[in-house]
Full PDB file with SEQRES, HELIX, SHEET, SSBOND, CRYST1, ORIGX, SCALE, CONECT and MASTER records, all heavy atoms in Angstrom:
SEQRES   1 A   37  SER GLY ILE VAL PRO THR ALA SER PRO ALA TYR PRO TYR          
SEQRES   2 A   37  PHE ALA ALA ILE HIS ILE GLY LEU GLY MET ALA THR LEU          
SEQRES   3 A   37  TRP ALA LEU PHE VAL ASN GLY PHE VAL PRO PHE                  
HELIX    1 AA1 TYR A   11  ASN A   32  1                                  22    
CRYST1    1.000    1.000    1.000  90.00  90.00  90.00 P 1           1          
ORIGX1      1.000000  0.000000  0.000000        0.00000                         
ORIGX2      0.000000  1.000000  0.000000        0.00000                         
ORIGX3      0.000000  0.000000  1.000000        0.00000                         
SCALE1      1.000000  0.000000  0.000000        0.00000                         
SCALE2      0.000000  1.000000  0.000000        0.00000                         
SCALE3      0.000000  0.000000  1.000000        0.00000                         
ATOM      1  N   SER A   1       0.803  -1.222   0.000  1.00  0.00           N  
ATOM      2  CA  SER A   1       0.000   0.000   0.000  1.00  0.00           C  
ATOM      3  C   SER A   1       0.833   1.269   0.000  1.00  0.00           C  
ATOM      4  O   SER A   1       0.328   2.341  -0.330  1.00  0.00           O  
ATOM      5  CB  SER A   1      -0.911   0.013   1.226  1.00  0.00           C  
ATOM      6  OG  SER A   1      -0.133   0.071   2.420  1.00  0.00           O  
ATOM      7  N   GLY A   2       2.098   1.163   0.410  1.00  0.00           N  
ATOM      8  CA  GLY A   2       2.916   2.354   0.554  1.00  0.00           C  
ATOM      9  C   GLY A   2       2.867   2.936   1.946  1.00  0.00           C  
ATOM     10  O   GLY A   2       3.468   3.988   2.214  1.00  0.00           O  
ATOM     11  N   ILE A   3       2.151   2.278   2.861  1.00  0.00           N  
ATOM     12  CA  ILE A   3       2.166   2.720   4.259  1.00  0.00           C  
ATOM     13  C   ILE A   3       3.596   2.669   4.787  1.00  0.00           C  
ATOM     14  O   ILE A   3       4.029   3.544   5.549  1.00  0.00           O  
ATOM     15  CB  ILE A   3       1.222   1.840   5.104  1.00  0.00           C  
ATOM     16  CG1 ILE A   3      -0.225   2.058   4.669  1.00  0.00           C  
ATOM     17  CG2 ILE A   3       1.382   2.141   6.587  1.00  0.00           C  
ATOM     18  CD1 ILE A   3      -1.223   1.181   5.375  1.00  0.00           C  
ATOM     19  N   VAL A   4       4.324   1.625   4.387  1.00  0.00           N  
ATOM     20  CA  VAL A   4       5.772   1.587   4.610  1.00  0.00           C  
ATOM     21  C   VAL A   4       6.412   1.947   3.275  1.00  0.00           C  
ATOM     22  O   VAL A   4       6.451   1.121   2.357  1.00  0.00           O  
ATOM     23  CB  VAL A   4       6.242   0.199   5.076  1.00  0.00           C  
ATOM     24  CG1 VAL A   4       7.755   0.199   5.309  1.00  0.00           C  
ATOM     25  CG2 VAL A   4       5.520  -0.219   6.347  1.00  0.00           C  
ATOM     26  N   PRO A   5       6.895   3.175   3.091  1.00  0.00           N  
ATOM     27  CA  PRO A   5       7.401   3.616   1.776  1.00  0.00           C  
ATOM     28  C   PRO A   5       8.625   2.815   1.346  1.00  0.00           C  
ATOM     29  O   PRO A   5       9.432   2.374   2.174  1.00  0.00           O  
ATOM     30  CB  PRO A   5       7.767   5.094   2.011  1.00  0.00           C  
ATOM     31  CG  PRO A   5       7.074   5.483   3.286  1.00  0.00           C  
ATOM     32  CD  PRO A   5       6.970   4.239   4.102  1.00  0.00           C  
ATOM     33  N   THR A   6       8.757   2.635   0.040  1.00  0.00           N  
ATOM     34  CA  THR A   6       9.909   1.902  -0.485  1.00  0.00           C  
ATOM     35  C   THR A   6      11.214   2.630  -0.197  1.00  0.00           C  
ATOM     36  O   THR A   6      12.276   2.000  -0.153  1.00  0.00           O  
ATOM     37  CB  THR A   6       9.759   1.705  -2.001  1.00  0.00           C  
ATOM     38  OG1 THR A   6       9.561   2.985  -2.620  1.00  0.00           O  
ATOM     39  CG2 THR A   6       8.578   0.804  -2.311  1.00  0.00           C  
ATOM     40  N   ALA A   7      11.155   3.956  -0.014  1.00  0.00           N  
ATOM     41  CA  ALA A   7      12.365   4.721   0.282  1.00  0.00           C  
ATOM     42  C   ALA A   7      12.761   4.645   1.743  1.00  0.00           C  
ATOM     43  O   ALA A   7      13.850   5.097   2.114  1.00  0.00           O  
ATOM     44  CB  ALA A   7      12.159   6.192  -0.115  1.00  0.00           C  
ATOM     45  N   SER A   8      11.914   4.073   2.579  1.00  0.00           N  
ATOM     46  CA  SER A   8      12.209   3.991   4.008  1.00  0.00           C  
ATOM     47  C   SER A   8      13.308   2.966   4.279  1.00  0.00           C  
ATOM     48  O   SER A   8      13.325   1.892   3.660  1.00  0.00           O  
ATOM     49  CB  SER A   8      10.948   3.603   4.781  1.00  0.00           C  
ATOM     50  OG  SER A   8      11.244   3.311   6.130  1.00  0.00           O  
ATOM     51  N   PRO A   9      14.228   3.258   5.204  1.00  0.00           N  
ATOM     52  CA  PRO A   9      15.262   2.257   5.560  1.00  0.00           C  
ATOM     53  C   PRO A   9      14.672   0.967   6.127  1.00  0.00           C  
ATOM     54  O   PRO A   9      15.323  -0.086   6.084  1.00  0.00           O  
ATOM     55  CB  PRO A   9      16.100   2.988   6.617  1.00  0.00           C  
ATOM     56  CG  PRO A   9      15.839   4.442   6.393  1.00  0.00           C  
ATOM     57  CD  PRO A   9      14.420   4.535   5.918  1.00  0.00           C  
ATOM     58  N   ALA A  10      13.441   1.048   6.647  1.00  0.00           N  
ATOM     59  CA  ALA A  10      12.812  -0.139   7.230  1.00  0.00           C  
ATOM     60  C   ALA A  10      12.133  -1.020   6.186  1.00  0.00           C  
ATOM     61  O   ALA A  10      11.790  -2.166   6.486  1.00  0.00           O  
ATOM     62  CB  ALA A  10      11.788   0.284   8.283  1.00  0.00           C  
ATOM     63  N   TYR A  11      11.956  -0.504   4.972  1.00  0.00           N  
ATOM     64  CA  TYR A  11      11.211  -1.244   3.958  1.00  0.00           C  
ATOM     65  C   TYR A  11      11.831  -2.618   3.648  1.00  0.00           C  
ATOM     66  O   TYR A  11      11.088  -3.612   3.554  1.00  0.00           O  
ATOM     67  CB  TYR A  11      11.093  -0.418   2.670  1.00  0.00           C  
ATOM     68  CG  TYR A  11      10.278  -1.098   1.601  1.00  0.00           C  
ATOM     69  CD1 TYR A  11       8.894  -1.018   1.601  1.00  0.00           C  
ATOM     70  CD2 TYR A  11      10.900  -1.842   0.590  1.00  0.00           C  
ATOM     71  CE1 TYR A  11       8.148  -1.646   0.611  1.00  0.00           C  
ATOM     72  CE2 TYR A  11      10.156  -2.469  -0.393  1.00  0.00           C  
ATOM     73  CZ  TYR A  11       8.780  -2.368  -0.380  1.00  0.00           C  
ATOM     74  OH  TYR A  11       8.046  -3.009  -1.350  1.00  0.00           O  
ATOM     75  N   PRO A  12      13.162  -2.733   3.466  1.00  0.00           N  
ATOM     76  CA  PRO A  12      13.727  -4.069   3.191  1.00  0.00           C  
ATOM     77  C   PRO A  12      13.417  -5.086   4.282  1.00  0.00           C  
ATOM     78  O   PRO A  12      13.203  -6.265   3.976  1.00  0.00           O  
ATOM     79  CB  PRO A  12      15.234  -3.803   3.084  1.00  0.00           C  
ATOM     80  CG  PRO A  12      15.347  -2.361   2.728  1.00  0.00           C  
ATOM     81  CD  PRO A  12      14.204  -1.692   3.422  1.00  0.00           C  
ATOM     82  N   TYR A  13      13.351  -4.634   5.513  1.00  0.00           N  
ATOM     83  CA  TYR A  13      13.075  -5.564   6.611  1.00  0.00           C  
ATOM     84  C   TYR A  13      11.602  -5.984   6.611  1.00  0.00           C  
ATOM     85  O   TYR A  13      11.281  -7.146   6.898  1.00  0.00           O  
ATOM     86  CB  TYR A  13      13.468  -4.926   7.940  1.00  0.00           C  
ATOM     87  CG  TYR A  13      14.937  -4.582   8.023  1.00  0.00           C  
ATOM     88  CD1 TYR A  13      15.396  -3.308   7.717  1.00  0.00           C  
ATOM     89  CD2 TYR A  13      15.874  -5.560   8.347  1.00  0.00           C  
ATOM     90  CE1 TYR A  13      16.753  -3.004   7.758  1.00  0.00           C  
ATOM     91  CE2 TYR A  13      17.233  -5.276   8.401  1.00  0.00           C  
ATOM     92  CZ  TYR A  13      17.659  -3.987   8.101  1.00  0.00           C  
ATOM     93  OH  TYR A  13      19.011  -3.695   8.133  1.00  0.00           O  
ATOM     94  N   PHE A  14      10.709  -5.046   6.306  1.00  0.00           N  
ATOM     95  CA  PHE A  14       9.298  -5.411   6.183  1.00  0.00           C  
ATOM     96  C   PHE A  14       9.097  -6.377   5.017  1.00  0.00           C  
ATOM     97  O   PHE A  14       8.321  -7.343   5.130  1.00  0.00           O  
ATOM     98  CB  PHE A  14       8.446  -4.151   5.989  1.00  0.00           C  
ATOM     99  CG  PHE A  14       8.071  -3.468   7.269  1.00  0.00           C  
ATOM    100  CD1 PHE A  14       8.895  -2.493   7.815  1.00  0.00           C  
ATOM    101  CD2 PHE A  14       6.897  -3.792   7.930  1.00  0.00           C  
ATOM    102  CE1 PHE A  14       8.552  -1.851   9.003  1.00  0.00           C  
ATOM    103  CE2 PHE A  14       6.544  -3.159   9.116  1.00  0.00           C  
ATOM    104  CZ  PHE A  14       7.375  -2.183   9.648  1.00  0.00           C  
ATOM    105  N   ALA A  15       9.771  -6.131   3.898  1.00  0.00           N  
ATOM    106  CA  ALA A  15       9.663  -7.037   2.753  1.00  0.00           C  
ATOM    107  C   ALA A  15      10.215  -8.419   3.100  1.00  0.00           C  
ATOM    108  O   ALA A  15       9.652  -9.446   2.690  1.00  0.00           O  
ATOM    109  CB  ALA A  15      10.405  -6.454   1.555  1.00  0.00           C  
ATOM    110  N   ALA A  16      11.306  -8.459   3.871  1.00  0.00           N  
ATOM    111  CA  ALA A  16      11.886  -9.742   4.279  1.00  0.00           C  
ATOM    112  C   ALA A  16      10.945 -10.498   5.214  1.00  0.00           C  
ATOM    113  O   ALA A  16      10.789 -11.721   5.106  1.00  0.00           O  
ATOM    114  CB  ALA A  16      13.236  -9.502   4.964  1.00  0.00           C  
ATOM    115  N   ILE A  17      10.301  -9.772   6.141  1.00  0.00           N  
ATOM    116  CA  ILE A  17       9.341 -10.415   7.045  1.00  0.00           C  
ATOM    117  C   ILE A  17       8.152 -10.946   6.252  1.00  0.00           C  
ATOM    118  O   ILE A  17       7.632 -12.037   6.541  1.00  0.00           O  
ATOM    119  CB  ILE A  17       8.879  -9.419   8.131  1.00  0.00           C  
ATOM    120  CG1 ILE A  17      10.055  -9.063   9.044  1.00  0.00           C  
ATOM    121  CG2 ILE A  17       7.739 -10.009   8.953  1.00  0.00           C  
ATOM    122  CD1 ILE A  17       9.744  -7.945  10.025  1.00  0.00           C  
ATOM    123  N   HIS A  18       7.731 -10.202   5.242  1.00  0.00           N  
ATOM    124  CA  HIS A  18       6.626 -10.658   4.390  1.00  0.00           C  
ATOM    125  C   HIS A  18       6.983 -11.965   3.688  1.00  0.00           C  
ATOM    126  O   HIS A  18       6.176 -12.912   3.643  1.00  0.00           O  
ATOM    127  CB  HIS A  18       6.298  -9.572   3.359  1.00  0.00           C  
ATOM    128  CG  HIS A  18       5.336 -10.017   2.310  1.00  0.00           C  
ATOM    129  ND1 HIS A  18       5.700 -10.200   0.989  1.00  0.00           N  
ATOM    130  CD2 HIS A  18       4.030 -10.334   2.376  1.00  0.00           C  
ATOM    131  CE1 HIS A  18       4.658 -10.614   0.304  1.00  0.00           C  
ATOM    132  NE2 HIS A  18       3.631 -10.699   1.106  1.00  0.00           N  
ATOM    133  N   ILE A  19       8.203 -12.045   3.142  1.00  0.00           N  
ATOM    134  CA  ILE A  19       8.648 -13.283   2.504  1.00  0.00           C  
ATOM    135  C   ILE A  19       8.722 -14.419   3.528  1.00  0.00           C  
ATOM    136  O   ILE A  19       8.289 -15.548   3.262  1.00  0.00           O  
ATOM    137  CB  ILE A  19      10.010 -13.072   1.825  1.00  0.00           C  
ATOM    138  CG1 ILE A  19       9.874 -12.092   0.657  1.00  0.00           C  
ATOM    139  CG2 ILE A  19      10.595 -14.401   1.336  1.00  0.00           C  
ATOM    140  CD1 ILE A  19      11.196 -11.694   0.037  1.00  0.00           C  
ATOM    141  N   GLY A  20       9.267 -14.120   4.707  1.00  0.00           N  
ATOM    142  CA  GLY A  20       9.392 -15.141   5.742  1.00  0.00           C  
ATOM    143  C   GLY A  20       8.050 -15.693   6.175  1.00  0.00           C  
ATOM    144  O   GLY A  20       7.883 -16.911   6.337  1.00  0.00           O  
ATOM    145  N   LEU A  21       7.062 -14.816   6.357  1.00  0.00           N  
ATOM    146  CA  LEU A  21       5.736 -15.280   6.769  1.00  0.00           C  
ATOM    147  C   LEU A  21       5.073 -16.083   5.651  1.00  0.00           C  
ATOM    148  O   LEU A  21       4.383 -17.073   5.918  1.00  0.00           O  
ATOM    149  CB  LEU A  21       4.866 -14.088   7.146  1.00  0.00           C  
ATOM    150  CG  LEU A  21       5.209 -13.406   8.474  1.00  0.00           C  
ATOM    151  CD1 LEU A  21       4.394 -12.126   8.649  1.00  0.00           C  
ATOM    152  CD2 LEU A  21       4.962 -14.352   9.647  1.00  0.00           C  
ATOM    153  N   GLY A  22       5.284 -15.657   4.396  1.00  0.00           N  
ATOM    154  CA  GLY A  22       4.722 -16.416   3.281  1.00  0.00           C  
ATOM    155  C   GLY A  22       5.283 -17.824   3.207  1.00  0.00           C  
ATOM    156  O   GLY A  22       4.537 -18.799   3.004  1.00  0.00           O  
ATOM    157  N   MET A  23       6.599 -17.953   3.403  1.00  0.00           N  
ATOM    158  CA  MET A  23       7.220 -19.280   3.379  1.00  0.00           C  
ATOM    159  C   MET A  23       6.791 -20.109   4.582  1.00  0.00           C  
ATOM    160  O   MET A  23       6.566 -21.322   4.461  1.00  0.00           O  
ATOM    161  CB  MET A  23       8.741 -19.129   3.342  1.00  0.00           C  
ATOM    162  CG  MET A  23       9.277 -18.589   2.026  1.00  0.00           C  
ATOM    163  SD  MET A  23       8.909 -19.674   0.622  1.00  0.00           S  
ATOM    164  CE  MET A  23       9.880 -21.128   1.065  1.00  0.00           C  
ATOM    165  N   ALA A  24       6.662 -19.487   5.752  1.00  0.00           N  
ATOM    166  CA  ALA A  24       6.196 -20.208   6.943  1.00  0.00           C  
ATOM    167  C   ALA A  24       4.767 -20.692   6.753  1.00  0.00           C  
ATOM    168  O   ALA A  24       4.395 -21.780   7.229  1.00  0.00           O  
ATOM    169  CB  ALA A  24       6.301 -19.306   8.174  1.00  0.00           C  
ATOM    170  N   THR A  25       3.944 -19.902   6.055  1.00  0.00           N  
ATOM    171  CA  THR A  25       2.565 -20.307   5.771  1.00  0.00           C  
ATOM    172  C   THR A  25       2.541 -21.548   4.889  1.00  0.00           C  
ATOM    173  O   THR A  25       1.793 -22.505   5.158  1.00  0.00           O  
ATOM    174  CB  THR A  25       1.809 -19.160   5.081  1.00  0.00           C  
ATOM    175  OG1 THR A  25       1.849 -18.001   5.913  1.00  0.00           O  
ATOM    176  CG2 THR A  25       0.366 -19.551   4.816  1.00  0.00           C  
ATOM    177  N   LEU A  26       3.352 -21.550   3.835  1.00  0.00           N  
ATOM    178  CA  LEU A  26       3.409 -22.723   2.961  1.00  0.00           C  
ATOM    179  C   LEU A  26       3.975 -23.940   3.687  1.00  0.00           C  
ATOM    180  O   LEU A  26       3.544 -25.073   3.441  1.00  0.00           O  
ATOM    181  CB  LEU A  26       4.255 -22.398   1.726  1.00  0.00           C  
ATOM    182  CG  LEU A  26       3.614 -21.430   0.730  1.00  0.00           C  
ATOM    183  CD1 LEU A  26       4.636 -20.990  -0.315  1.00  0.00           C  
ATOM    184  CD2 LEU A  26       2.406 -22.064   0.061  1.00  0.00           C  
ATOM    185  N   TRP A  27       4.932 -23.700   4.582  1.00  0.00           N  
ATOM    186  CA  TRP A  27       5.482 -24.810   5.369  1.00  0.00           C  
ATOM    187  C   TRP A  27       4.413 -25.390   6.298  1.00  0.00           C  
ATOM    188  O   TRP A  27       4.308 -26.610   6.442  1.00  0.00           O  
ATOM    189  CB  TRP A  27       6.686 -24.351   6.178  1.00  0.00           C  
ATOM    190  CG  TRP A  27       7.213 -25.411   7.086  1.00  0.00           C  
ATOM    191  CD1 TRP A  27       6.969 -25.560   8.422  1.00  0.00           C  
ATOM    192  CD2 TRP A  27       8.041 -26.528   6.722  1.00  0.00           C  
ATOM    193  NE1 TRP A  27       7.590 -26.683   8.914  1.00  0.00           N  
ATOM    194  CE2 TRP A  27       8.258 -27.297   7.893  1.00  0.00           C  
ATOM    195  CE3 TRP A  27       8.618 -26.934   5.519  1.00  0.00           C  
ATOM    196  CZ2 TRP A  27       9.041 -28.439   7.891  1.00  0.00           C  
ATOM    197  CZ3 TRP A  27       9.386 -28.099   5.517  1.00  0.00           C  
ATOM    198  CH2 TRP A  27       9.597 -28.829   6.692  1.00  0.00           C  
ATOM    199  N   ALA A  28       3.605 -24.526   6.932  1.00  0.00           N  
ATOM    200  CA  ALA A  28       2.530 -25.004   7.798  1.00  0.00           C  
ATOM    201  C   ALA A  28       1.526 -25.835   7.004  1.00  0.00           C  
ATOM    202  O   ALA A  28       1.021 -26.856   7.489  1.00  0.00           O  
ATOM    203  CB  ALA A  28       1.828 -23.825   8.474  1.00  0.00           C  
ATOM    204  N   LEU A  29       1.250 -25.424   5.766  1.00  0.00           N  
ATOM    205  CA  LEU A  29       0.378 -26.215   4.897  1.00  0.00           C  
ATOM    206  C   LEU A  29       1.014 -27.570   4.596  1.00  0.00           C  
ATOM    207  O   LEU A  29       0.341 -28.609   4.630  1.00  0.00           O  
ATOM    208  CB  LEU A  29       0.116 -25.452   3.601  1.00  0.00           C  
ATOM    209  CG  LEU A  29      -0.880 -26.066   2.628  1.00  0.00           C  
ATOM    210  CD1 LEU A  29      -2.287 -26.032   3.206  1.00  0.00           C  
ATOM    211  CD2 LEU A  29      -0.838 -25.349   1.284  1.00  0.00           C  
ATOM    212  N   PHE A  30       2.322 -27.562   4.319  1.00  0.00           N  
ATOM    213  CA  PHE A  30       3.063 -28.794   4.042  1.00  0.00           C  
ATOM    214  C   PHE A  30       2.971 -29.759   5.223  1.00  0.00           C  
ATOM    215  O   PHE A  30       2.675 -30.948   5.044  1.00  0.00           O  
ATOM    216  CB  PHE A  30       4.525 -28.426   3.757  1.00  0.00           C  
ATOM    217  CG  PHE A  30       5.482 -29.575   3.771  1.00  0.00           C  
ATOM    218  CD1 PHE A  30       5.604 -30.425   2.684  1.00  0.00           C  
ATOM    219  CD2 PHE A  30       6.281 -29.813   4.884  1.00  0.00           C  
ATOM    220  CE1 PHE A  30       6.504 -31.478   2.698  1.00  0.00           C  
ATOM    221  CE2 PHE A  30       7.179 -30.859   4.905  1.00  0.00           C  
ATOM    222  CZ  PHE A  30       7.287 -31.704   3.813  1.00  0.00           C  
ATOM    223  N   VAL A  31       3.201 -29.274   6.429  1.00  0.00           N  
ATOM    224  CA  VAL A  31       3.140 -30.141   7.617  1.00  0.00           C  
ATOM    225  C   VAL A  31       1.730 -30.666   7.829  1.00  0.00           C  
ATOM    226  O   VAL A  31       1.529 -31.832   8.189  1.00  0.00           O  
ATOM    227  CB  VAL A  31       3.638 -29.378   8.855  1.00  0.00           C  
ATOM    228  CG1 VAL A  31       3.444 -30.212  10.121  1.00  0.00           C  
ATOM    229  CG2 VAL A  31       5.103 -28.998   8.700  1.00  0.00           C  
ATOM    230  N   ASN A  32       0.725 -29.819   7.594  1.00  0.00           N  
ATOM    231  CA  ASN A  32      -0.661 -30.261   7.760  1.00  0.00           C  
ATOM    232  C   ASN A  32      -1.026 -31.358   6.776  1.00  0.00           C  
ATOM    233  O   ASN A  32      -1.989 -32.099   7.009  1.00  0.00           O  
ATOM    234  CB  ASN A  32      -1.607 -29.070   7.596  1.00  0.00           C  
ATOM    235  CG  ASN A  32      -1.863 -28.349   8.900  1.00  0.00           C  
ATOM    236  OD1 ASN A  32      -2.701 -28.770   9.707  1.00  0.00           O  
ATOM    237  ND2 ASN A  32      -1.135 -27.270   9.133  1.00  0.00           N  
ATOM    238  N   GLY A  33      -0.265 -31.472   5.684  1.00  0.00           N  
ATOM    239  CA  GLY A  33      -0.518 -32.552   4.749  1.00  0.00           C  
ATOM    240  C   GLY A  33      -0.266 -33.923   5.341  1.00  0.00           C  
ATOM    241  O   GLY A  33      -0.837 -34.921   4.891  1.00  0.00           O  
ATOM    242  N   PHE A  34       0.584 -33.995   6.372  1.00  0.00           N  
ATOM    243  CA  PHE A  34       0.918 -35.284   6.992  1.00  0.00           C  
ATOM    244  C   PHE A  34       0.133 -35.547   8.274  1.00  0.00           C  
ATOM    245  O   PHE A  34       0.151 -36.668   8.782  1.00  0.00           O  
ATOM    246  CB  PHE A  34       2.420 -35.337   7.308  1.00  0.00           C  
ATOM    247  CG  PHE A  34       3.287 -35.299   6.083  1.00  0.00           C  
ATOM    248  CD1 PHE A  34       3.794 -34.102   5.608  1.00  0.00           C  
ATOM    249  CD2 PHE A  34       3.598 -36.465   5.391  1.00  0.00           C  
ATOM    250  CE1 PHE A  34       4.600 -34.050   4.481  1.00  0.00           C  
ATOM    251  CE2 PHE A  34       4.402 -36.435   4.266  1.00  0.00           C  
ATOM    252  CZ  PHE A  34       4.899 -35.224   3.803  1.00  0.00           C  
ATOM    253  N   VAL A  35      -0.552 -34.531   8.804  1.00  0.00           N  
ATOM    254  CA  VAL A  35      -1.272 -34.688  10.065  1.00  0.00           C  
ATOM    255  C   VAL A  35      -2.344 -35.777   9.989  1.00  0.00           C  
ATOM    256  O   VAL A  35      -2.465 -36.591  10.909  1.00  0.00           O  
ATOM    257  CB  VAL A  35      -1.884 -33.342  10.505  1.00  0.00           C  
ATOM    258  CG1 VAL A  35      -2.850 -33.534  11.687  1.00  0.00           C  
ATOM    259  CG2 VAL A  35      -0.779 -32.367  10.902  1.00  0.00           C  
ATOM    260  N   PRO A  36      -3.165 -35.857   8.909  1.00  0.00           N  
ATOM    261  CA  PRO A  36      -4.192 -36.912   8.875  1.00  0.00           C  
ATOM    262  C   PRO A  36      -3.640 -38.323   8.900  1.00  0.00           C  
ATOM    263  O   PRO A  36      -4.372 -39.264   9.237  1.00  0.00           O  
ATOM    264  CB  PRO A  36      -4.930 -36.631   7.551  1.00  0.00           C  
ATOM    265  CG  PRO A  36      -4.663 -35.207   7.243  1.00  0.00           C  
ATOM    266  CD  PRO A  36      -3.278 -34.959   7.738  1.00  0.00           C  
ATOM    267  N   PHE A  37      -2.363 -38.497   8.553  1.00  0.00           N  
ATOM    268  CA  PHE A  37      -1.774 -39.838   8.578  1.00  0.00           C  
ATOM    269  C   PHE A  37      -1.342 -40.248   9.986  1.00  0.00           C  
ATOM    270  O   PHE A  37      -0.846 -41.365  10.178  1.00  0.00           O  
ATOM    271  CB  PHE A  37      -0.572 -39.883   7.632  1.00  0.00           C  
ATOM    272  CG  PHE A  37      -0.927 -39.671   6.189  1.00  0.00           C  
ATOM    273  CD1 PHE A  37      -0.784 -38.425   5.602  1.00  0.00           C  
ATOM    274  CD2 PHE A  37      -1.420 -40.716   5.417  1.00  0.00           C  
ATOM    275  CE1 PHE A  37      -1.113 -38.213   4.273  1.00  0.00           C  
ATOM    276  CE2 PHE A  37      -1.754 -40.515   4.085  1.00  0.00           C  
ATOM    277  CZ  PHE A  37      -1.603 -39.257   3.505  1.00  0.00           C  
TER     278      PHE A  37                                                      
MASTER        0    0    0    1    0    0    0    6  277    1    0    3          
END                                                                             
């Protein structure tokens, strides 16, 4: 949205956290694939 501007020094860290949460979400889905077994 630009609430955290791309020119802000904090923007790379917010983008990194976004990537990290996205990967953790997919990992949680992956683990849930084995739970029914």
